[in-house]
Amino acid sequence: MVPIHEIRVGPLRYQTDAKWTQRVLSNPLALLNDHAHLEKKAASNALDLLNRWPQNTQGPIWKRWVTELTGVARDEIDHLATVLRILQRRGGYFDPNHHSPYAAQLRQLVRLGKGPDELVDRLFVSALIELRSCERFELLGEHCDDAELGKLYRGLARSEHGHYLLFVNLAKDFSAVRDVENRWEQMLDMEAAIILRQPHGPRMHSRG
């Protein structure tokens, strides 16, 4: 397990301002609703990636692919259940009308129809969302005065960090290491521009 104080040291090009934490924690139920939707989408994304594996390709990498992605999906479902329990107990509700412009704009970076390059990009989009979420959860865990939510956010920071590393490592199975590293650097730059274009609001991926 990665110590909480080590998680912030990462490759993100833009570091979220602590003022973001004050803004989003002012509406905790809306933040929990947004968070629940992100966990639901993360589980769906992991399962969708299972279908992205190249057909007629087997072997140890395939086995790792299945094990890792089903593990991520299970983690995200567990997180979803936890967040929904807290949301319900506190009088909130799971609003069906939800949209994440941050994730949508990241998905526009995917090189569609480019075979292994498309798969690498899909994995990197997943990694970027996990990494940004890790950074945000760490901030929430540090500054949240609510003991229950603070504990939740600190635990999720560790989990998101592990998922981020998993997606990056899976991408290395589909392209030369140098190509993967160069593409990751490009996408880090583009992620920083995207997060700065987001509107403010009680969301995990609002402007920081």
N, C-alpha and C. Protein backbone atom coordinates (compact mmCIF):
# COMPACT_ATOMS: atom_id res chain seq x y z
N MET A 1 0.85 -1.19 0.00
CA MET A 1 0.00 0.00 0.00
C MET A 1 0.89 1.25 0.00
N VAL A 2 0.53 2.22 -0.84
CA VAL A 2 1.31 3.44 -0.95
C VAL A 2 0.97 4.38 0.20
N PRO A 3 1.95 4.84 0.98
CA PRO A 3 1.66 5.79 2.07
C PRO A 3 0.97 7.03 1.52
N ILE A 4 0.01 7.57 2.25
CA ILE A 4 -0.78 8.68 1.76
C ILE A 4 0.08 9.88 1.42
N HIS A 5 1.17 10.12 2.16
CA HIS A 5 1.95 11.32 1.91
C HIS A 5 2.79 11.21 0.65
N GLU A 6 2.89 10.00 0.07
CA GLU A 6 3.68 9.83 -1.14
C GLU A 6 2.85 9.94 -2.41
N ILE A 7 1.54 9.91 -2.27
CA ILE A 7 0.70 9.82 -3.46
C ILE A 7 0.75 11.09 -4.30
N ARG A 8 0.84 12.24 -3.65
CA ARG A 8 0.77 13.48 -4.40
C ARG A 8 1.93 13.63 -5.38
N VAL A 9 3.04 13.02 -5.12
CA VAL A 9 4.19 13.11 -6.01
C VAL A 9 3.88 12.30 -7.25
N GLY A 10 3.47 12.96 -8.31
CA GLY A 10 3.08 12.27 -9.54
C GLY A 10 3.35 13.12 -10.75
N PRO A 11 2.97 12.61 -11.91
CA PRO A 11 3.33 13.30 -13.16
C PRO A 11 2.32 14.33 -13.64
N LEU A 12 1.28 14.63 -12.86
CA LEU A 12 0.28 15.59 -13.33
C LEU A 12 0.94 16.94 -13.62
N ARG A 13 0.56 17.52 -14.75
CA ARG A 13 1.15 18.80 -15.15
C ARG A 13 0.54 19.98 -14.39
N TYR A 14 -0.70 19.81 -13.96
CA TYR A 14 -1.37 20.87 -13.21
C TYR A 14 -1.78 20.31 -11.85
N GLN A 15 -1.38 21.00 -10.79
CA GLN A 15 -1.73 20.59 -9.44
C GLN A 15 -2.93 21.39 -8.95
N THR A 16 -3.93 20.70 -8.45
CA THR A 16 -5.15 21.34 -7.99
C THR A 16 -4.90 22.24 -6.79
N ASP A 17 -5.49 23.43 -6.83
CA ASP A 17 -5.39 24.37 -5.72
C ASP A 17 -6.27 23.90 -4.56
N ALA A 18 -5.81 24.08 -3.35
CA ALA A 18 -6.58 23.66 -2.17
C ALA A 18 -7.93 24.37 -2.09
N LYS A 19 -8.07 25.53 -2.73
CA LYS A 19 -9.35 26.23 -2.72
C LYS A 19 -10.44 25.40 -3.38
N TRP A 20 -10.04 24.55 -4.32
CA TRP A 20 -11.02 23.65 -4.95
C TRP A 20 -11.71 22.82 -3.88
N THR A 21 -10.94 22.34 -2.91
CA THR A 21 -11.50 21.48 -1.86
C THR A 21 -12.57 22.22 -1.07
N GLN A 22 -12.32 23.47 -0.73
CA GLN A 22 -13.30 24.25 0.02
C GLN A 22 -14.59 24.40 -0.78
N ARG A 23 -14.45 24.64 -2.08
CA ARG A 23 -15.64 24.84 -2.91
C ARG A 23 -16.49 23.57 -2.99
N VAL A 24 -15.88 22.44 -3.26
CA VAL A 24 -16.67 21.23 -3.48
C VAL A 24 -17.23 20.68 -2.17
N LEU A 25 -16.50 20.86 -1.06
CA LEU A 25 -16.99 20.37 0.22
C LEU A 25 -18.14 21.21 0.77
N SER A 26 -18.39 22.35 0.15
CA SER A 26 -19.52 23.17 0.59
C SER A 26 -20.85 22.55 0.18
N ASN A 27 -20.82 21.58 -0.73
CA ASN A 27 -22.03 20.88 -1.16
C ASN A 27 -21.72 19.38 -1.17
N PRO A 28 -21.60 18.76 0.01
CA PRO A 28 -21.13 17.37 0.08
C PRO A 28 -22.04 16.35 -0.59
N LEU A 29 -23.36 16.57 -0.57
CA LEU A 29 -24.26 15.60 -1.18
C LEU A 29 -24.12 15.61 -2.70
N ALA A 30 -23.99 16.79 -3.28
CA ALA A 30 -23.79 16.88 -4.74
C ALA A 30 -22.47 16.23 -5.12
N LEU A 31 -21.45 16.43 -4.30
CA LEU A 31 -20.15 15.82 -4.58
C LEU A 31 -20.25 14.30 -4.49
N LEU A 32 -20.97 13.78 -3.50
CA LEU A 32 -21.13 12.34 -3.38
C LEU A 32 -21.92 11.76 -4.55
N ASN A 33 -22.93 12.49 -5.02
CA ASN A 33 -23.69 12.03 -6.18
C ASN A 33 -22.78 11.94 -7.41
N ASP A 34 -21.98 12.98 -7.63
CA ASP A 34 -21.05 12.97 -8.75
C ASP A 34 -20.05 11.82 -8.61
N HIS A 35 -19.56 11.65 -7.41
CA HIS A 35 -18.60 10.59 -7.12
C HIS A 35 -19.20 9.22 -7.43
N ALA A 36 -20.45 9.00 -7.03
CA ALA A 36 -21.10 7.72 -7.29
C ALA A 36 -21.18 7.44 -8.79
N HIS A 37 -21.54 8.45 -9.56
CA HIS A 37 -21.62 8.26 -11.01
C HIS A 37 -20.25 7.92 -11.59
N LEU A 38 -19.21 8.53 -11.09
CA LEU A 38 -17.87 8.24 -11.60
C LEU A 38 -17.46 6.81 -11.28
N GLU A 39 -17.82 6.31 -10.10
CA GLU A 39 -17.51 4.92 -9.77
C GLU A 39 -18.27 3.97 -10.69
N LYS A 40 -19.52 4.28 -10.97
CA LYS A 40 -20.33 3.46 -11.88
C LYS A 40 -19.71 3.43 -13.27
N LYS A 41 -19.29 4.59 -13.76
CA LYS A 41 -18.70 4.65 -15.09
C LYS A 41 -17.34 3.97 -15.13
N ALA A 42 -16.60 4.04 -14.04
CA ALA A 42 -15.29 3.38 -13.99
C ALA A 42 -15.44 1.87 -14.05
N ALA A 43 -16.46 1.33 -13.38
CA ALA A 43 -16.71 -0.10 -13.44
C ALA A 43 -17.10 -0.51 -14.86
N SER A 44 -17.97 0.27 -15.49
CA SER A 44 -18.38 -0.02 -16.87
C SER A 44 -17.20 0.06 -17.83
N ASN A 45 -16.33 1.03 -17.60
CA ASN A 45 -15.17 1.20 -18.46
C ASN A 45 -14.24 -0.01 -18.38
N ALA A 46 -14.01 -0.50 -17.17
CA ALA A 46 -13.12 -1.66 -17.01
C ALA A 46 -13.70 -2.87 -17.73
N LEU A 47 -15.00 -3.07 -17.63
CA LEU A 47 -15.63 -4.20 -18.30
C LEU A 47 -15.62 -4.01 -19.82
N ASP A 48 -15.80 -2.78 -20.27
CA ASP A 48 -15.75 -2.51 -21.71
C ASP A 48 -14.36 -2.79 -22.27
N LEU A 49 -13.32 -2.47 -21.49
CA LEU A 49 -11.96 -2.73 -21.95
C LEU A 49 -11.69 -4.22 -22.16
N LEU A 50 -12.39 -5.07 -21.42
CA LEU A 50 -12.24 -6.51 -21.65
C LEU A 50 -12.53 -6.87 -23.10
N ASN A 51 -13.50 -6.20 -23.70
CA ASN A 51 -13.88 -6.48 -25.08
C ASN A 51 -12.92 -5.86 -26.09
N ARG A 52 -12.00 -5.03 -25.62
CA ARG A 52 -11.06 -4.37 -26.53
C ARG A 52 -9.83 -5.23 -26.80
N TRP A 53 -9.71 -6.36 -26.10
CA TRP A 53 -8.55 -7.22 -26.31
C TRP A 53 -8.54 -7.73 -27.75
N PRO A 54 -7.37 -7.72 -28.42
CA PRO A 54 -7.29 -8.20 -29.80
C PRO A 54 -7.80 -9.64 -29.92
N GLN A 55 -8.66 -9.89 -30.88
CA GLN A 55 -9.23 -11.22 -31.06
C GLN A 55 -8.16 -12.24 -31.42
N ASN A 56 -8.42 -13.48 -31.01
CA ASN A 56 -7.55 -14.62 -31.32
C ASN A 56 -6.16 -14.47 -30.72
N THR A 57 -6.04 -13.70 -29.66
CA THR A 57 -4.76 -13.53 -28.98
C THR A 57 -4.91 -14.05 -27.56
N GLN A 58 -4.10 -15.03 -27.20
CA GLN A 58 -4.17 -15.64 -25.89
C GLN A 58 -2.81 -15.54 -25.20
N GLY A 59 -2.60 -16.32 -24.16
CA GLY A 59 -1.31 -16.32 -23.50
C GLY A 59 -1.34 -15.63 -22.16
N PRO A 60 -0.17 -15.50 -21.52
CA PRO A 60 -0.11 -14.92 -20.17
C PRO A 60 -0.55 -13.47 -20.10
N ILE A 61 -0.32 -12.69 -21.17
CA ILE A 61 -0.75 -11.29 -21.14
C ILE A 61 -2.27 -11.21 -21.12
N TRP A 62 -2.91 -12.09 -21.87
CA TRP A 62 -4.38 -12.15 -21.87
C TRP A 62 -4.90 -12.47 -20.49
N LYS A 63 -4.27 -13.43 -19.82
CA LYS A 63 -4.71 -13.80 -18.48
C LYS A 63 -4.56 -12.61 -17.52
N ARG A 64 -3.46 -11.88 -17.65
CA ARG A 64 -3.27 -10.71 -16.80
C ARG A 64 -4.32 -9.64 -17.10
N TRP A 65 -4.62 -9.48 -18.37
CA TRP A 65 -5.64 -8.51 -18.80
C TRP A 65 -6.97 -8.79 -18.11
N VAL A 66 -7.40 -10.04 -18.17
CA VAL A 66 -8.67 -10.43 -17.56
C VAL A 66 -8.63 -10.23 -16.05
N THR A 67 -7.57 -10.71 -15.41
CA THR A 67 -7.46 -10.62 -13.96
C THR A 67 -7.46 -9.17 -13.48
N GLU A 68 -6.67 -8.33 -14.14
CA GLU A 68 -6.54 -6.94 -13.70
C GLU A 68 -7.83 -6.15 -13.92
N LEU A 69 -8.44 -6.31 -15.09
CA LEU A 69 -9.62 -5.50 -15.39
C LEU A 69 -10.85 -5.95 -14.60
N THR A 70 -11.01 -7.23 -14.40
CA THR A 70 -12.12 -7.67 -13.56
C THR A 70 -11.90 -7.23 -12.11
N GLY A 71 -10.64 -7.18 -11.71
CA GLY A 71 -10.33 -6.67 -10.37
C GLY A 71 -10.68 -5.21 -10.21
N VAL A 72 -10.36 -4.41 -11.23
CA VAL A 72 -10.72 -2.99 -11.20
C VAL A 72 -12.25 -2.82 -11.15
N ALA A 73 -12.94 -3.58 -12.00
CA ALA A 73 -14.41 -3.49 -12.01
C ALA A 73 -14.99 -3.83 -10.65
N ARG A 74 -14.46 -4.85 -10.01
CA ARG A 74 -14.94 -5.24 -8.68
C ARG A 74 -14.68 -4.13 -7.66
N ASP A 75 -13.48 -3.55 -7.72
CA ASP A 75 -13.17 -2.44 -6.80
C ASP A 75 -14.15 -1.29 -6.98
N GLU A 76 -14.40 -0.93 -8.23
CA GLU A 76 -15.25 0.23 -8.49
C GLU A 76 -16.69 -0.03 -8.05
N ILE A 77 -17.18 -1.25 -8.24
CA ILE A 77 -18.53 -1.58 -7.78
C ILE A 77 -18.61 -1.50 -6.26
N ASP A 78 -17.56 -1.98 -5.60
CA ASP A 78 -17.53 -1.87 -4.14
C ASP A 78 -17.55 -0.41 -3.70
N HIS A 79 -16.78 0.42 -4.39
CA HIS A 79 -16.76 1.85 -4.06
C HIS A 79 -18.14 2.47 -4.30
N LEU A 80 -18.76 2.09 -5.42
CA LEU A 80 -20.08 2.62 -5.74
C LEU A 80 -21.08 2.28 -4.63
N ALA A 81 -21.06 1.04 -4.18
CA ALA A 81 -21.98 0.62 -3.13
C ALA A 81 -21.75 1.42 -1.84
N THR A 82 -20.49 1.64 -1.52
CA THR A 82 -20.16 2.39 -0.31
C THR A 82 -20.65 3.83 -0.40
N VAL A 83 -20.38 4.47 -1.53
CA VAL A 83 -20.78 5.87 -1.69
C VAL A 83 -22.30 6.01 -1.69
N LEU A 84 -22.99 5.08 -2.33
CA LEU A 84 -24.45 5.16 -2.37
C LEU A 84 -25.06 4.96 -0.98
N ARG A 85 -24.46 4.09 -0.19
CA ARG A 85 -24.96 3.90 1.18
C ARG A 85 -24.83 5.20 1.98
N ILE A 86 -23.66 5.84 1.86
CA ILE A 86 -23.45 7.10 2.58
C ILE A 86 -24.39 8.18 2.07
N LEU A 87 -24.53 8.26 0.75
CA LEU A 87 -25.40 9.27 0.15
C LEU A 87 -26.84 9.09 0.62
N GLN A 88 -27.33 7.86 0.62
CA GLN A 88 -28.70 7.59 1.04
C GLN A 88 -28.90 7.89 2.52
N ARG A 89 -27.96 7.48 3.34
CA ARG A 89 -28.08 7.68 4.77
C ARG A 89 -28.10 9.17 5.13
N ARG A 90 -27.44 9.99 4.31
CA ARG A 90 -27.37 11.42 4.60
C ARG A 90 -28.47 12.22 3.92
N GLY A 91 -29.42 11.52 3.32
CA GLY A 91 -30.56 12.21 2.74
C GLY A 91 -30.37 12.65 1.29
N GLY A 92 -29.32 12.19 0.65
CA GLY A 92 -29.10 12.53 -0.76
C GLY A 92 -29.74 11.51 -1.67
N TYR A 93 -29.60 11.71 -2.95
CA TYR A 93 -30.15 10.76 -3.92
C TYR A 93 -29.23 10.68 -5.14
N PHE A 94 -29.40 9.60 -5.87
CA PHE A 94 -28.57 9.32 -7.05
C PHE A 94 -29.26 9.92 -8.27
N ASP A 95 -28.86 11.11 -8.64
CA ASP A 95 -29.47 11.84 -9.74
C ASP A 95 -29.13 11.16 -11.07
N PRO A 96 -30.15 10.72 -11.83
CA PRO A 96 -29.86 10.03 -13.10
C PRO A 96 -29.28 10.94 -14.17
N ASN A 97 -29.45 12.25 -14.02
CA ASN A 97 -28.95 13.19 -15.03
C ASN A 97 -27.52 13.60 -14.67
N HIS A 98 -26.58 12.92 -15.28
CA HIS A 98 -25.17 13.19 -14.96
C HIS A 98 -24.34 13.19 -16.23
N HIS A 99 -23.44 14.14 -16.31
CA HIS A 99 -22.53 14.23 -17.45
C HIS A 99 -21.18 14.68 -16.97
N SER A 100 -20.13 14.07 -17.49
CA SER A 100 -18.77 14.45 -17.13
C SER A 100 -18.05 15.00 -18.35
N PRO A 101 -18.06 16.34 -18.53
CA PRO A 101 -17.37 16.91 -19.68
C PRO A 101 -15.87 16.62 -19.66
N TYR A 102 -15.30 16.51 -18.48
CA TYR A 102 -13.86 16.19 -18.36
C TYR A 102 -13.56 14.85 -19.02
N ALA A 103 -14.29 13.82 -18.65
CA ALA A 103 -14.06 12.50 -19.23
C ALA A 103 -14.37 12.49 -20.73
N ALA A 104 -15.44 13.18 -21.11
CA ALA A 104 -15.81 13.22 -22.53
C ALA A 104 -14.71 13.86 -23.36
N GLN A 105 -14.11 14.93 -22.85
CA GLN A 105 -13.04 15.60 -23.59
C GLN A 105 -11.77 14.76 -23.63
N LEU A 106 -11.50 14.02 -22.57
CA LEU A 106 -10.36 13.11 -22.60
C LEU A 106 -10.56 12.02 -23.67
N ARG A 107 -11.77 11.51 -23.77
CA ARG A 107 -12.03 10.45 -24.75
C ARG A 107 -11.85 10.93 -26.18
N GLN A 108 -11.96 12.22 -26.39
CA GLN A 108 -11.74 12.76 -27.73
C GLN A 108 -10.28 12.65 -28.17
N LEU A 109 -9.38 12.39 -27.22
CA LEU A 109 -7.97 12.24 -27.54
C LEU A 109 -7.65 10.86 -28.11
N VAL A 110 -8.57 9.91 -28.01
CA VAL A 110 -8.32 8.54 -28.44
C VAL A 110 -8.20 8.48 -29.96
N ARG A 111 -7.16 7.81 -30.42
CA ARG A 111 -6.94 7.64 -31.87
C ARG A 111 -7.79 6.48 -32.36
N LEU A 112 -9.03 6.78 -32.69
CA LEU A 112 -9.99 5.75 -33.06
C LEU A 112 -9.58 5.04 -34.35
N GLY A 113 -9.79 3.74 -34.38
CA GLY A 113 -9.51 2.96 -35.58
C GLY A 113 -8.04 2.70 -35.84
N LYS A 114 -7.19 2.96 -34.85
CA LYS A 114 -5.74 2.82 -35.03
C LYS A 114 -5.17 1.58 -34.34
N GLY A 115 -6.01 0.57 -34.13
CA GLY A 115 -5.52 -0.69 -33.59
C GLY A 115 -4.89 -0.54 -32.21
N PRO A 116 -3.63 -0.99 -32.07
CA PRO A 116 -2.97 -0.90 -30.76
C PRO A 116 -2.87 0.52 -30.22
N ASP A 117 -2.73 1.50 -31.11
CA ASP A 117 -2.66 2.89 -30.66
C ASP A 117 -3.96 3.32 -29.99
N GLU A 118 -5.09 2.88 -30.54
CA GLU A 118 -6.38 3.20 -29.93
C GLU A 118 -6.47 2.57 -28.54
N LEU A 119 -6.03 1.32 -28.42
CA LEU A 119 -6.11 0.65 -27.13
C LEU A 119 -5.20 1.32 -26.10
N VAL A 120 -4.01 1.72 -26.52
CA VAL A 120 -3.10 2.44 -25.61
C VAL A 120 -3.76 3.73 -25.13
N ASP A 121 -4.38 4.45 -26.05
CA ASP A 121 -5.02 5.72 -25.67
C ASP A 121 -6.19 5.49 -24.71
N ARG A 122 -6.96 4.45 -24.94
CA ARG A 122 -8.08 4.16 -24.04
C ARG A 122 -7.56 3.84 -22.63
N LEU A 123 -6.49 3.10 -22.57
CA LEU A 123 -5.89 2.80 -21.26
C LEU A 123 -5.34 4.06 -20.61
N PHE A 124 -4.75 4.94 -21.40
CA PHE A 124 -4.20 6.17 -20.85
C PHE A 124 -5.29 7.13 -20.38
N VAL A 125 -6.41 7.18 -21.10
CA VAL A 125 -7.53 7.99 -20.63
C VAL A 125 -8.00 7.48 -19.27
N SER A 126 -8.10 6.17 -19.14
CA SER A 126 -8.49 5.57 -17.86
C SER A 126 -7.47 5.92 -16.78
N ALA A 127 -6.18 5.84 -17.13
CA ALA A 127 -5.13 6.14 -16.16
C ALA A 127 -5.18 7.60 -15.73
N LEU A 128 -5.43 8.51 -16.66
CA LEU A 128 -5.49 9.93 -16.33
C LEU A 128 -6.64 10.24 -15.39
N ILE A 129 -7.79 9.63 -15.65
CA ILE A 129 -8.94 9.86 -14.77
C ILE A 129 -8.64 9.35 -13.36
N GLU A 130 -8.01 8.18 -13.27
CA GLU A 130 -7.66 7.63 -11.96
C GLU A 130 -6.63 8.51 -11.25
N LEU A 131 -5.66 8.99 -11.99
CA LEU A 131 -4.60 9.81 -11.39
C LEU A 131 -5.14 11.14 -10.90
N ARG A 132 -5.98 11.79 -11.71
CA ARG A 132 -6.57 13.06 -11.28
C ARG A 132 -7.49 12.82 -10.07
N SER A 133 -8.23 11.72 -10.10
CA SER A 133 -9.09 11.41 -8.96
C SER A 133 -8.27 11.16 -7.71
N CYS A 134 -7.14 10.48 -7.85
CA CYS A 134 -6.25 10.23 -6.72
C CYS A 134 -5.81 11.55 -6.10
N GLU A 135 -5.39 12.48 -6.94
CA GLU A 135 -4.95 13.78 -6.43
C GLU A 135 -6.08 14.48 -5.69
N ARG A 136 -7.28 14.43 -6.26
CA ARG A 136 -8.42 15.11 -5.66
C ARG A 136 -8.84 14.44 -4.34
N PHE A 137 -8.84 13.12 -4.32
CA PHE A 137 -9.21 12.41 -3.10
C PHE A 137 -8.20 12.68 -1.98
N GLU A 138 -6.94 12.80 -2.35
CA GLU A 138 -5.95 13.09 -1.32
C GLU A 138 -6.22 14.46 -0.69
N LEU A 139 -6.53 15.43 -1.53
CA LEU A 139 -6.86 16.77 -1.01
C LEU A 139 -8.10 16.73 -0.12
N LEU A 140 -9.12 16.01 -0.57
CA LEU A 140 -10.34 15.91 0.22
C LEU A 140 -10.06 15.23 1.55
N GLY A 141 -9.25 14.18 1.52
CA GLY A 141 -8.93 13.48 2.76
C GLY A 141 -8.18 14.34 3.75
N GLU A 142 -7.36 15.26 3.24
CA GLU A 142 -6.57 16.12 4.11
C GLU A 142 -7.40 17.26 4.71
N HIS A 143 -8.40 17.74 3.96
CA HIS A 143 -9.09 18.97 4.36
C HIS A 143 -10.53 18.77 4.81
N CYS A 144 -11.06 17.57 4.69
CA CYS A 144 -12.44 17.32 5.08
C CYS A 144 -12.55 17.20 6.60
N ASP A 145 -13.44 17.97 7.20
CA ASP A 145 -13.64 17.92 8.65
C ASP A 145 -14.56 16.78 9.07
N ASP A 146 -15.26 16.20 8.12
CA ASP A 146 -16.16 15.09 8.41
C ASP A 146 -15.33 13.80 8.52
N ALA A 147 -15.33 13.17 9.70
CA ALA A 147 -14.47 12.01 9.94
C ALA A 147 -14.77 10.86 8.99
N GLU A 148 -16.05 10.57 8.77
CA GLU A 148 -16.42 9.45 7.89
C GLU A 148 -15.97 9.70 6.46
N LEU A 149 -16.24 10.89 5.95
CA LEU A 149 -15.88 11.19 4.57
C LEU A 149 -14.37 11.31 4.42
N GLY A 150 -13.69 11.87 5.41
CA GLY A 150 -12.24 11.97 5.34
C GLY A 150 -11.59 10.60 5.22
N LYS A 151 -12.07 9.66 6.01
CA LYS A 151 -11.54 8.29 5.95
C LYS A 151 -11.82 7.66 4.59
N LEU A 152 -13.04 7.87 4.08
CA LEU A 152 -13.40 7.35 2.76
C LEU A 152 -12.46 7.89 1.69
N TYR A 153 -12.24 9.19 1.69
CA TYR A 153 -11.44 9.81 0.64
C TYR A 153 -9.97 9.37 0.72
N ARG A 154 -9.45 9.22 1.91
CA ARG A 154 -8.06 8.78 2.03
C ARG A 154 -7.89 7.36 1.50
N GLY A 155 -8.85 6.50 1.79
CA GLY A 155 -8.77 5.14 1.27
C GLY A 155 -8.89 5.10 -0.24
N LEU A 156 -9.76 5.93 -0.79
CA LEU A 156 -9.94 5.96 -2.24
C LEU A 156 -8.72 6.52 -2.95
N ALA A 157 -8.00 7.43 -2.33
CA ALA A 157 -6.78 7.96 -2.94
C ALA A 157 -5.80 6.83 -3.20
N ARG A 158 -5.65 5.95 -2.25
CA ARG A 158 -4.73 4.82 -2.42
C ARG A 158 -5.21 3.88 -3.53
N SER A 159 -6.50 3.63 -3.56
CA SER A 159 -7.05 2.73 -4.57
C SER A 159 -6.89 3.31 -5.97
N GLU A 160 -7.19 4.59 -6.14
CA GLU A 160 -7.07 5.23 -7.46
C GLU A 160 -5.62 5.24 -7.94
N HIS A 161 -4.70 5.42 -7.00
CA HIS A 161 -3.29 5.40 -7.36
C HIS A 161 -2.90 4.03 -7.92
N GLY A 162 -3.38 2.98 -7.28
CA GLY A 162 -3.10 1.64 -7.78
C GLY A 162 -3.70 1.39 -9.14
N HIS A 163 -4.91 1.86 -9.38
CA HIS A 163 -5.55 1.69 -10.68
C HIS A 163 -4.81 2.47 -11.76
N TYR A 164 -4.39 3.66 -11.45
CA TYR A 164 -3.61 4.46 -12.41
C TYR A 164 -2.37 3.70 -12.87
N LEU A 165 -1.62 3.15 -11.94
CA LEU A 165 -0.42 2.40 -12.29
C LEU A 165 -0.76 1.16 -13.11
N LEU A 166 -1.85 0.52 -12.77
CA LEU A 166 -2.27 -0.69 -13.49
C LEU A 166 -2.54 -0.37 -14.97
N PHE A 167 -3.30 0.69 -15.23
CA PHE A 167 -3.63 1.03 -16.62
C PHE A 167 -2.38 1.41 -17.42
N VAL A 168 -1.48 2.15 -16.81
CA VAL A 168 -0.25 2.54 -17.51
C VAL A 168 0.58 1.30 -17.84
N ASN A 169 0.67 0.37 -16.91
CA ASN A 169 1.46 -0.83 -17.15
C ASN A 169 0.83 -1.72 -18.20
N LEU A 170 -0.51 -1.79 -18.23
CA LEU A 170 -1.17 -2.59 -19.26
C LEU A 170 -0.89 -2.01 -20.65
N ALA A 171 -0.80 -0.70 -20.75
CA ALA A 171 -0.55 -0.08 -22.06
C ALA A 171 0.79 -0.50 -22.64
N LYS A 172 1.74 -0.82 -21.79
CA LYS A 172 3.07 -1.20 -22.26
C LYS A 172 3.07 -2.54 -22.97
N ASP A 173 1.99 -3.30 -22.87
CA ASP A 173 1.89 -4.59 -23.56
C ASP A 173 1.53 -4.44 -25.04
N PHE A 174 1.19 -3.23 -25.47
CA PHE A 174 0.64 -3.07 -26.81
C PHE A 174 1.47 -2.19 -27.74
N SER A 175 2.58 -1.69 -27.28
CA SER A 175 3.39 -0.83 -28.12
C SER A 175 4.80 -0.77 -27.55
N ALA A 176 5.75 -0.28 -28.36
CA ALA A 176 7.11 -0.14 -27.89
C ALA A 176 7.14 0.82 -26.70
N VAL A 177 8.01 0.52 -25.75
CA VAL A 177 8.06 1.31 -24.52
C VAL A 177 8.27 2.78 -24.81
N ARG A 178 9.18 3.12 -25.73
CA ARG A 178 9.44 4.53 -26.03
C ARG A 178 8.19 5.21 -26.60
N ASP A 179 7.48 4.50 -27.49
CA ASP A 179 6.25 5.07 -28.06
C ASP A 179 5.20 5.30 -26.98
N VAL A 180 5.08 4.34 -26.07
CA VAL A 180 4.12 4.46 -24.98
C VAL A 180 4.48 5.63 -24.08
N GLU A 181 5.75 5.77 -23.75
CA GLU A 181 6.18 6.86 -22.88
C GLU A 181 5.95 8.22 -23.54
N ASN A 182 6.25 8.31 -24.83
CA ASN A 182 6.05 9.58 -25.53
C ASN A 182 4.57 9.96 -25.58
N ARG A 183 3.72 8.97 -25.83
CA ARG A 183 2.28 9.24 -25.89
C ARG A 183 1.75 9.64 -24.51
N TRP A 184 2.24 9.01 -23.47
CA TRP A 184 1.82 9.35 -22.11
C TRP A 184 2.18 10.80 -21.79
N GLU A 185 3.37 11.22 -22.18
CA GLU A 185 3.77 12.61 -21.93
C GLU A 185 2.85 13.57 -22.66
N GLN A 186 2.50 13.24 -23.91
CA GLN A 186 1.59 14.09 -24.67
C GLN A 186 0.23 14.21 -23.99
N MET A 187 -0.27 13.08 -23.54
CA MET A 187 -1.60 13.07 -22.95
C MET A 187 -1.63 13.75 -21.59
N LEU A 188 -0.53 13.71 -20.87
CA LEU A 188 -0.45 14.47 -19.61
C LEU A 188 -0.58 15.97 -19.88
N ASP A 189 0.08 16.44 -20.92
CA ASP A 189 -0.03 17.85 -21.28
C ASP A 189 -1.46 18.22 -21.65
N MET A 190 -2.10 17.35 -22.43
CA MET A 190 -3.46 17.64 -22.87
C MET A 190 -4.45 17.56 -21.71
N GLU A 191 -4.22 16.65 -20.77
CA GLU A 191 -5.10 16.56 -19.61
C GLU A 191 -5.07 17.85 -18.80
N ALA A 192 -3.89 18.44 -18.63
CA ALA A 192 -3.78 19.68 -17.86
C ALA A 192 -4.60 20.79 -18.52
N ALA A 193 -4.57 20.85 -19.84
CA ALA A 193 -5.35 21.87 -20.55
C ALA A 193 -6.85 21.60 -20.39
N ILE A 194 -7.24 20.33 -20.40
CA ILE A 194 -8.65 19.97 -20.29
C ILE A 194 -9.20 20.30 -18.90
N ILE A 195 -8.47 19.96 -17.84
CA ILE A 195 -8.99 20.20 -16.49
C ILE A 195 -9.14 21.71 -16.24
N LEU A 196 -8.29 22.52 -16.86
CA LEU A 196 -8.38 23.96 -16.68
C LEU A 196 -9.55 24.57 -17.45
N ARG A 197 -10.13 23.83 -18.38
CA ARG A 197 -11.28 24.32 -19.14
C ARG A 197 -12.61 23.96 -18.47
N GLN A 198 -12.57 23.19 -17.41
CA GLN A 198 -13.81 22.74 -16.79
C GLN A 198 -14.46 23.86 -15.99
N PRO A 199 -15.78 23.87 -15.92
CA PRO A 199 -16.46 24.85 -15.07
C PRO A 199 -16.31 24.49 -13.60
N HIS A 200 -16.51 25.47 -12.74
CA HIS A 200 -16.51 25.21 -11.31
C HIS A 200 -17.79 24.46 -10.93
N GLY A 201 -17.76 23.80 -9.79
CA GLY A 201 -18.94 23.12 -9.30
C GLY A 201 -18.58 21.98 -8.38
N PRO A 202 -19.58 21.40 -7.67
CA PRO A 202 -19.32 20.32 -6.72
C PRO A 202 -19.15 18.98 -7.43
N ARG A 203 -18.07 18.89 -8.19
CA ARG A 203 -17.78 17.66 -8.94
C ARG A 203 -16.32 17.30 -8.74
N MET A 204 -16.02 16.00 -8.85
CA MET A 204 -14.65 15.54 -8.67
C MET A 204 -13.71 16.13 -9.71
N HIS A 205 -14.21 16.34 -10.91
CA HIS A 205 -13.33 16.80 -11.99
C HIS A 205 -13.71 18.19 -12.48
N SER A 206 -14.18 19.04 -11.57
CA SER A 206 -14.42 20.43 -11.93
C SER A 206 -13.09 21.18 -11.94
N ARG A 207 -13.12 22.41 -12.39
CA ARG A 207 -11.90 23.19 -12.45
C ARG A 207 -11.33 23.38 -11.05
N GLY A 208 -10.02 23.21 -10.95
CA GLY A 208 -9.35 23.30 -9.64
C GLY A 208 -8.60 24.58 -9.46
